[in-house]
Amino acid sequence: MPENAQPPIEFQDERKAGRLLAVEDGAAVGYIAYFVLAEPPHARVAVHTVVEPGHEGRGIAGGLVRTFYRLAEAEGVPVVPLCPYAASWAAKHPEEAPVAPPGAVAAARAQQAADSGLR
């Protein structure tokens, strides 16, 4: 690896913990906090996107959101981006981030409002 090159970012889905991690050289450098809708219409719901201090500006947040959408696509479920960063990224990348059905958005907001641990 060239002297100034960064190690590659790996993405790890910790579904039970509700986190998609960005891992570099064995350490988490960012994550998306999320939940999965308990009832149909099932969806992955992004709540927060965080990049650790000192790792900003390297595309980690965008990589997290892109990976989050790809995981949802592989599961055959939509993404509801309640996180402002994820929503902004989705608006800029409509070819990679299909708009969630209104029913899924309403269900995600209702589940989040009912559970303070999902905010």
N, C-alpha and C. Protein backbone atom coordinates (compact mmCIF):
# COMPACT_ATOMS: atom_id res chain seq x y z
N MET A 1 0.85 -1.17 0.00
CA MET A 1 0.00 0.00 0.00
C MET A 1 0.90 1.24 0.00
N PRO A 2 0.61 2.25 -0.84
CA PRO A 2 1.42 3.47 -0.85
C PRO A 2 1.44 4.12 0.53
N GLU A 3 2.50 4.88 0.79
CA GLU A 3 2.72 5.46 2.11
C GLU A 3 1.54 6.25 2.64
N ASN A 4 0.88 7.06 1.81
CA ASN A 4 -0.22 7.91 2.28
C ASN A 4 -1.59 7.28 2.10
N ALA A 5 -1.67 6.06 1.61
CA ALA A 5 -2.96 5.42 1.35
C ALA A 5 -3.63 4.99 2.65
N GLN A 6 -4.94 5.11 2.66
CA GLN A 6 -5.74 4.68 3.81
C GLN A 6 -6.09 3.20 3.61
N PRO A 7 -6.19 2.45 4.72
CA PRO A 7 -6.67 1.07 4.59
C PRO A 7 -8.11 1.09 4.04
N PRO A 8 -8.53 0.04 3.37
CA PRO A 8 -9.89 0.02 2.82
C PRO A 8 -10.93 0.00 3.95
N ILE A 9 -12.09 0.60 3.64
CA ILE A 9 -13.21 0.59 4.57
C ILE A 9 -14.02 -0.68 4.31
N GLU A 10 -14.35 -1.38 5.36
CA GLU A 10 -15.22 -2.55 5.27
C GLU A 10 -16.52 -2.20 5.98
N PHE A 11 -17.61 -2.76 5.49
CA PHE A 11 -18.91 -2.49 6.10
C PHE A 11 -19.43 -3.78 6.73
N GLN A 12 -19.87 -3.66 7.98
CA GLN A 12 -20.35 -4.82 8.73
C GLN A 12 -21.74 -4.50 9.27
N ASP A 13 -22.70 -5.34 8.92
CA ASP A 13 -24.07 -5.16 9.37
C ASP A 13 -24.26 -5.90 10.68
N GLU A 14 -24.47 -5.15 11.74
CA GLU A 14 -24.77 -5.72 13.05
C GLU A 14 -26.26 -5.53 13.31
N ARG A 15 -27.04 -6.35 12.65
CA ARG A 15 -28.50 -6.18 12.65
C ARG A 15 -29.10 -6.22 14.05
N LYS A 16 -28.65 -7.15 14.89
CA LYS A 16 -29.20 -7.24 16.26
C LYS A 16 -28.97 -5.95 17.04
N ALA A 17 -27.84 -5.30 16.79
CA ALA A 17 -27.54 -4.03 17.48
C ALA A 17 -28.13 -2.84 16.74
N GLY A 18 -28.63 -3.05 15.52
CA GLY A 18 -29.18 -1.95 14.74
C GLY A 18 -28.12 -0.97 14.27
N ARG A 19 -26.99 -1.52 13.84
CA ARG A 19 -25.91 -0.67 13.35
C ARG A 19 -25.24 -1.28 12.13
N LEU A 20 -25.01 -0.43 11.15
CA LEU A 20 -24.16 -0.78 10.02
C LEU A 20 -22.85 -0.05 10.26
N LEU A 21 -21.78 -0.79 10.47
CA LEU A 21 -20.49 -0.20 10.81
C LEU A 21 -19.60 -0.01 9.58
N ALA A 22 -18.83 1.08 9.61
CA ALA A 22 -17.72 1.29 8.68
C ALA A 22 -16.47 0.99 9.50
N VAL A 23 -15.71 -0.01 9.08
CA VAL A 23 -14.55 -0.46 9.85
C VAL A 23 -13.30 -0.27 9.01
N GLU A 24 -12.31 0.34 9.64
CA GLU A 24 -11.02 0.56 8.99
C GLU A 24 -9.92 0.07 9.91
N ASP A 25 -9.13 -0.85 9.43
CA ASP A 25 -8.00 -1.38 10.21
C ASP A 25 -8.46 -1.90 11.57
N GLY A 26 -9.64 -2.55 11.59
CA GLY A 26 -10.15 -3.17 12.81
C GLY A 26 -10.92 -2.27 13.74
N ALA A 27 -11.03 -0.98 13.42
CA ALA A 27 -11.74 -0.04 14.30
C ALA A 27 -12.93 0.58 13.57
N ALA A 28 -14.02 0.75 14.30
CA ALA A 28 -15.21 1.41 13.72
C ALA A 28 -14.90 2.89 13.55
N VAL A 29 -15.10 3.39 12.33
CA VAL A 29 -14.85 4.81 12.05
C VAL A 29 -16.15 5.53 11.69
N GLY A 30 -17.25 4.80 11.68
CA GLY A 30 -18.55 5.40 11.40
C GLY A 30 -19.63 4.33 11.47
N TYR A 31 -20.88 4.80 11.48
CA TYR A 31 -21.99 3.85 11.51
C TYR A 31 -23.30 4.53 11.11
N ILE A 32 -24.24 3.70 10.74
CA ILE A 32 -25.63 4.11 10.60
C ILE A 32 -26.39 3.36 11.69
N ALA A 33 -27.09 4.11 12.54
CA ALA A 33 -28.00 3.51 13.51
C ALA A 33 -29.33 3.32 12.78
N TYR A 34 -29.92 2.13 12.92
CA TYR A 34 -31.15 1.85 12.19
C TYR A 34 -32.03 0.88 12.96
N PHE A 35 -33.26 0.76 12.48
CA PHE A 35 -34.13 -0.30 12.95
C PHE A 35 -34.87 -0.88 11.75
N VAL A 36 -35.44 -2.04 11.96
CA VAL A 36 -36.22 -2.70 10.93
C VAL A 36 -37.67 -2.66 11.40
N LEU A 37 -38.57 -2.26 10.52
CA LEU A 37 -39.97 -2.20 10.90
C LEU A 37 -40.43 -3.56 11.40
N ALA A 38 -41.07 -3.55 12.55
CA ALA A 38 -41.51 -4.79 13.19
C ALA A 38 -42.66 -5.45 12.43
N GLU A 39 -43.51 -4.65 11.83
CA GLU A 39 -44.69 -5.15 11.11
C GLU A 39 -44.58 -4.77 9.63
N PRO A 40 -45.30 -5.50 8.77
CA PRO A 40 -45.33 -5.09 7.36
C PRO A 40 -45.91 -3.68 7.22
N PRO A 41 -45.48 -2.88 6.29
CA PRO A 41 -44.50 -3.20 5.26
C PRO A 41 -43.09 -3.15 5.85
N HIS A 42 -42.37 -4.25 5.82
CA HIS A 42 -41.02 -4.28 6.38
C HIS A 42 -40.12 -3.31 5.61
N ALA A 43 -39.24 -2.66 6.33
CA ALA A 43 -38.29 -1.73 5.73
C ALA A 43 -37.12 -1.56 6.69
N ARG A 44 -35.99 -1.13 6.15
CA ARG A 44 -34.85 -0.72 6.97
C ARG A 44 -34.99 0.79 7.15
N VAL A 45 -34.88 1.25 8.38
CA VAL A 45 -35.10 2.66 8.68
C VAL A 45 -33.80 3.26 9.24
N ALA A 46 -33.18 4.15 8.47
CA ALA A 46 -31.96 4.82 8.90
C ALA A 46 -32.31 5.97 9.83
N VAL A 47 -31.72 5.99 11.03
CA VAL A 47 -32.04 7.00 12.03
C VAL A 47 -30.91 8.03 12.17
N HIS A 48 -29.66 7.56 12.21
CA HIS A 48 -28.50 8.46 12.35
C HIS A 48 -27.35 7.93 11.52
N THR A 49 -26.60 8.84 10.93
CA THR A 49 -25.35 8.49 10.27
C THR A 49 -24.26 9.27 10.98
N VAL A 50 -23.23 8.55 11.44
CA VAL A 50 -22.17 9.16 12.23
C VAL A 50 -20.82 8.75 11.65
N VAL A 51 -19.93 9.72 11.50
CA VAL A 51 -18.53 9.45 11.15
C VAL A 51 -17.70 9.99 12.30
N GLU A 52 -16.82 9.16 12.81
CA GLU A 52 -16.01 9.55 13.97
C GLU A 52 -15.07 10.71 13.63
N PRO A 53 -14.80 11.58 14.62
CA PRO A 53 -13.89 12.71 14.42
C PRO A 53 -12.55 12.24 13.85
N GLY A 54 -12.06 13.00 12.90
CA GLY A 54 -10.79 12.69 12.26
C GLY A 54 -10.94 11.82 11.00
N HIS A 55 -12.16 11.36 10.75
CA HIS A 55 -12.39 10.51 9.58
C HIS A 55 -13.36 11.17 8.59
N GLU A 56 -13.78 12.38 8.87
CA GLU A 56 -14.72 13.09 8.00
C GLU A 56 -14.08 13.41 6.66
N GLY A 57 -14.93 13.66 5.66
CA GLY A 57 -14.45 14.12 4.36
C GLY A 57 -13.82 13.05 3.49
N ARG A 58 -14.00 11.78 3.84
CA ARG A 58 -13.38 10.70 3.07
C ARG A 58 -14.41 9.83 2.37
N GLY A 59 -15.66 10.25 2.39
CA GLY A 59 -16.71 9.48 1.72
C GLY A 59 -17.25 8.32 2.54
N ILE A 60 -16.93 8.27 3.81
CA ILE A 60 -17.37 7.17 4.65
C ILE A 60 -18.89 7.20 4.84
N ALA A 61 -19.45 8.36 5.10
CA ALA A 61 -20.90 8.46 5.30
C ALA A 61 -21.65 8.04 4.04
N GLY A 62 -21.20 8.50 2.89
CA GLY A 62 -21.84 8.10 1.64
C GLY A 62 -21.71 6.61 1.39
N GLY A 63 -20.57 6.03 1.72
CA GLY A 63 -20.39 4.59 1.58
C GLY A 63 -21.32 3.81 2.49
N LEU A 64 -21.53 4.33 3.69
CA LEU A 64 -22.47 3.69 4.61
C LEU A 64 -23.88 3.69 4.04
N VAL A 65 -24.33 4.85 3.56
CA VAL A 65 -25.70 4.94 3.04
C VAL A 65 -25.86 4.07 1.79
N ARG A 66 -24.89 4.11 0.91
CA ARG A 66 -24.94 3.28 -0.31
C ARG A 66 -25.04 1.80 0.08
N THR A 67 -24.22 1.37 1.01
CA THR A 67 -24.24 -0.02 1.47
C THR A 67 -25.57 -0.36 2.13
N PHE A 68 -26.12 0.58 2.90
CA PHE A 68 -27.41 0.37 3.57
C PHE A 68 -28.50 0.11 2.53
N TYR A 69 -28.51 0.90 1.47
CA TYR A 69 -29.49 0.70 0.39
C TYR A 69 -29.27 -0.64 -0.31
N ARG A 70 -28.03 -1.02 -0.53
CA ARG A 70 -27.75 -2.30 -1.20
C ARG A 70 -28.20 -3.48 -0.35
N LEU A 71 -27.99 -3.39 0.96
CA LEU A 71 -28.44 -4.47 1.84
C LEU A 71 -29.96 -4.59 1.81
N ALA A 72 -30.64 -3.45 1.83
CA ALA A 72 -32.11 -3.47 1.78
C ALA A 72 -32.58 -4.06 0.46
N GLU A 73 -31.93 -3.68 -0.63
CA GLU A 73 -32.30 -4.22 -1.94
C GLU A 73 -32.14 -5.74 -1.96
N ALA A 74 -31.04 -6.23 -1.39
CA ALA A 74 -30.80 -7.67 -1.36
C ALA A 74 -31.87 -8.40 -0.53
N GLU A 75 -32.42 -7.71 0.46
CA GLU A 75 -33.48 -8.28 1.30
C GLU A 75 -34.86 -8.10 0.68
N GLY A 76 -34.95 -7.27 -0.35
CA GLY A 76 -36.23 -7.01 -1.00
C GLY A 76 -37.13 -6.08 -0.20
N VAL A 77 -36.51 -5.18 0.58
CA VAL A 77 -37.29 -4.23 1.38
C VAL A 77 -36.85 -2.80 1.05
N PRO A 78 -37.72 -1.82 1.27
CA PRO A 78 -37.33 -0.44 1.03
C PRO A 78 -36.52 0.13 2.19
N VAL A 79 -35.91 1.28 1.94
CA VAL A 79 -35.24 2.06 2.97
C VAL A 79 -36.08 3.29 3.25
N VAL A 80 -36.24 3.59 4.53
CA VAL A 80 -36.88 4.84 4.94
C VAL A 80 -35.76 5.67 5.58
N PRO A 81 -35.30 6.72 4.92
CA PRO A 81 -34.20 7.52 5.45
C PRO A 81 -34.69 8.64 6.36
N LEU A 82 -34.94 8.33 7.64
CA LEU A 82 -35.33 9.37 8.59
C LEU A 82 -34.14 10.22 9.01
N CYS A 83 -32.95 9.69 8.85
CA CYS A 83 -31.71 10.43 9.11
C CYS A 83 -31.56 11.53 8.06
N PRO A 84 -31.33 12.78 8.46
CA PRO A 84 -31.18 13.85 7.48
C PRO A 84 -30.06 13.61 6.46
N TYR A 85 -28.93 13.06 6.90
CA TYR A 85 -27.85 12.81 5.94
C TYR A 85 -28.28 11.76 4.93
N ALA A 86 -28.86 10.66 5.40
CA ALA A 86 -29.29 9.59 4.49
C ALA A 86 -30.34 10.11 3.51
N ALA A 87 -31.26 10.95 3.99
CA ALA A 87 -32.29 11.52 3.11
C ALA A 87 -31.67 12.42 2.05
N SER A 88 -30.69 13.22 2.45
CA SER A 88 -30.01 14.10 1.50
C SER A 88 -29.23 13.28 0.47
N TRP A 89 -28.54 12.25 0.91
CA TRP A 89 -27.79 11.39 0.00
C TRP A 89 -28.75 10.73 -0.99
N ALA A 90 -29.87 10.23 -0.49
CA ALA A 90 -30.85 9.56 -1.35
C ALA A 90 -31.38 10.51 -2.42
N ALA A 91 -31.62 11.76 -2.05
CA ALA A 91 -32.13 12.74 -3.02
C ALA A 91 -31.11 13.01 -4.12
N LYS A 92 -29.83 12.91 -3.79
CA LYS A 92 -28.77 13.15 -4.77
C LYS A 92 -28.44 11.92 -5.62
N HIS A 93 -28.91 10.75 -5.18
CA HIS A 93 -28.60 9.49 -5.87
C HIS A 93 -29.87 8.67 -6.11
N PRO A 94 -30.86 9.24 -6.83
CA PRO A 94 -32.13 8.53 -6.98
C PRO A 94 -32.00 7.19 -7.71
N GLU A 95 -30.96 7.03 -8.53
CA GLU A 95 -30.77 5.77 -9.24
C GLU A 95 -30.35 4.64 -8.29
N GLU A 96 -29.81 5.00 -7.13
CA GLU A 96 -29.37 4.00 -6.15
C GLU A 96 -30.28 3.95 -4.93
N ALA A 97 -31.19 4.92 -4.82
CA ALA A 97 -31.98 5.07 -3.61
C ALA A 97 -33.46 5.27 -3.95
N PRO A 98 -34.16 4.19 -4.26
CA PRO A 98 -35.58 4.33 -4.60
C PRO A 98 -36.37 4.91 -3.42
N VAL A 99 -37.37 5.70 -3.75
CA VAL A 99 -38.22 6.31 -2.73
C VAL A 99 -39.06 5.23 -2.08
N ALA A 100 -39.12 5.28 -0.75
CA ALA A 100 -39.91 4.29 -0.01
C ALA A 100 -41.40 4.55 -0.19
N PRO A 101 -42.21 3.50 -0.20
CA PRO A 101 -43.66 3.67 -0.29
C PRO A 101 -44.17 4.49 0.89
N PRO A 102 -45.18 5.33 0.68
CA PRO A 102 -45.71 6.17 1.76
C PRO A 102 -46.11 5.37 3.00
N GLY A 103 -46.65 4.16 2.82
CA GLY A 103 -47.03 3.34 3.96
C GLY A 103 -45.85 2.96 4.83
N ALA A 104 -44.71 2.68 4.19
CA ALA A 104 -43.51 2.34 4.95
C ALA A 104 -42.98 3.54 5.71
N VAL A 105 -43.05 4.72 5.09
CA VAL A 105 -42.60 5.95 5.76
C VAL A 105 -43.47 6.22 6.98
N ALA A 106 -44.78 6.13 6.81
CA ALA A 106 -45.71 6.37 7.92
C ALA A 106 -45.48 5.36 9.04
N ALA A 107 -45.30 4.09 8.70
CA ALA A 107 -45.07 3.05 9.70
C ALA A 107 -43.75 3.29 10.44
N ALA A 108 -42.71 3.72 9.72
CA ALA A 108 -41.41 3.99 10.34
C ALA A 108 -41.52 5.15 11.32
N ARG A 109 -42.19 6.21 10.91
CA ARG A 109 -42.35 7.36 11.81
C ARG A 109 -43.16 6.98 13.05
N ALA A 110 -44.19 6.18 12.87
CA ALA A 110 -45.03 5.76 13.99
C ALA A 110 -44.22 4.88 14.95
N GLN A 111 -43.43 3.94 14.42
CA GLN A 111 -42.64 3.06 15.28
C GLN A 111 -41.59 3.87 16.02
N GLN A 112 -40.96 4.83 15.34
CA GLN A 112 -39.95 5.66 15.98
C GLN A 112 -40.57 6.51 17.09
N ALA A 113 -41.74 7.09 16.84
CA ALA A 113 -42.42 7.94 17.84
C ALA A 113 -42.82 7.12 19.05
N ALA A 114 -43.17 5.86 18.86
CA ALA A 114 -43.63 5.02 19.95
C ALA A 114 -42.48 4.46 20.81
N ASP A 115 -41.26 4.53 20.31
CA ASP A 115 -40.12 3.94 21.02
C ASP A 115 -38.99 4.97 21.09
N SER A 116 -38.80 5.56 22.26
CA SER A 116 -37.79 6.62 22.42
C SER A 116 -36.37 6.11 22.16
N GLY A 117 -36.16 4.81 22.22
CA GLY A 117 -34.84 4.25 21.93
C GLY A 117 -34.48 4.26 20.46
N LEU A 118 -35.44 4.60 19.60
CA LEU A 118 -35.20 4.62 18.15
C LEU A 118 -34.95 6.02 17.61
N ARG A 119 -34.73 6.98 18.48
CA ARG A 119 -34.52 8.36 18.02
C ARG A 119 -33.08 8.75 17.99
